[in-house]
Amino acid sequence: MKINIDEQLLFMIHTIYQGPDSHALRKFVEFLYEQEDELLTDDDWTAIQEGREDVAQGRVISLDEYEKARGL
């Protein structure tokens, strides 16, 4: 069986795998691979896009800041 893969996608995966987030990429790919049903709904993708926009606009705080504000 021949598998075709988008060259740009392969390049991005390879680049991430060589960086500090390689462990996160591996865990995410394993998670996706094990899914039997649709992983993300349209609402999920909308929420992800909104989160990315928040990050781009600086409307985020670090986990440490969040925990300190909540006394955790």
Protein backbone atom coordinates (compact mmCIF):
# COMPACT_ATOMS: atom_id res chain seq x y z
CA MET A 1 0.00 0.00 0.00
CA LYS A 2 1.41 3.39 -1.01
CA ILE A 3 0.82 6.32 1.33
CA ASN A 4 0.79 9.83 -0.08
CA ILE A 5 1.46 12.70 2.30
CA ASP A 6 1.45 16.41 1.73
CA GLU A 7 5.07 17.57 1.53
CA GLN A 8 4.38 20.77 3.48
CA LEU A 9 2.70 18.79 6.27
CA LEU A 10 5.61 16.36 6.38
CA PHE A 11 8.06 19.29 6.58
CA MET A 12 6.11 20.87 9.46
CA ILE A 13 5.94 17.57 11.36
CA HIS A 14 9.64 16.96 10.82
CA THR A 15 10.51 20.48 12.00
CA ILE A 16 8.42 20.18 15.17
CA TYR A 17 9.80 16.71 15.86
CA GLN A 18 13.34 18.07 15.84
CA GLY A 19 12.48 20.85 18.30
CA PRO A 20 11.70 21.14 21.99
CA ASP A 21 8.04 20.14 21.48
CA SER A 22 8.78 16.72 19.99
CA HIS A 23 7.30 14.94 23.01
CA ALA A 24 4.05 16.90 22.68
CA LEU A 25 3.85 16.11 18.97
CA ARG A 26 4.34 12.39 19.61
CA LYS A 27 1.64 12.33 22.32
CA PHE A 28 -0.78 14.26 20.11
CA VAL A 29 -0.21 12.03 17.09
CA GLU A 30 -0.65 8.91 19.22
CA PHE A 31 -3.86 10.39 20.63
CA LEU A 32 -5.22 11.17 17.16
CA TYR A 33 -4.23 7.75 15.85
CA GLU A 34 -6.19 5.99 18.59
CA GLN A 35 -9.43 7.91 17.95
CA GLU A 36 -12.26 5.98 16.37
CA ASP A 37 -14.84 8.76 16.13
CA GLU A 38 -14.60 12.34 14.99
CA LEU A 39 -12.07 13.91 17.31
CA LEU A 40 -13.02 17.57 17.05
CA THR A 41 -16.37 19.09 16.26
CA ASP A 42 -16.94 22.35 14.37
CA ASP A 43 -17.49 24.05 17.76
CA ASP A 44 -14.12 22.71 18.94
CA TRP A 45 -12.37 24.13 15.87
CA THR A 46 -14.10 27.49 16.44
CA ALA A 47 -12.90 27.53 20.05
CA ILE A 48 -9.36 26.67 18.94
CA GLN A 49 -9.38 29.53 16.44
CA GLU A 50 -10.67 31.93 19.09
CA GLY A 51 -7.90 30.79 21.44
CA ARG A 52 -5.28 31.35 18.76
CA GLU A 53 -6.64 34.85 18.19
CA ASP A 54 -6.47 35.52 21.95
CA VAL A 55 -2.83 34.44 21.99
CA ALA A 56 -2.02 36.61 18.95
CA GLN A 57 -3.66 39.62 20.64
CA GLY A 58 -1.93 38.98 23.98
CA ARG A 59 -5.17 38.18 25.82
CA VAL A 60 -3.61 35.32 27.80
CA ILE A 61 -1.80 34.74 31.09
CA SER A 62 0.67 32.05 32.08
CA LEU A 63 -0.33 29.04 34.12
CA ASP A 64 1.79 30.38 36.99
CA GLU A 65 -0.07 33.70 36.91
CA TYR A 66 -3.41 31.89 36.85
CA GLU A 67 -2.49 29.68 39.78
CA LYS A 68 -1.21 32.64 41.84
CA ALA A 69 -4.40 34.61 41.17
CA ARG A 70 -6.46 31.62 42.37
CA GLY A 71 -4.23 30.79 45.34
CA LEU A 72 -3.29 27.42 43.94
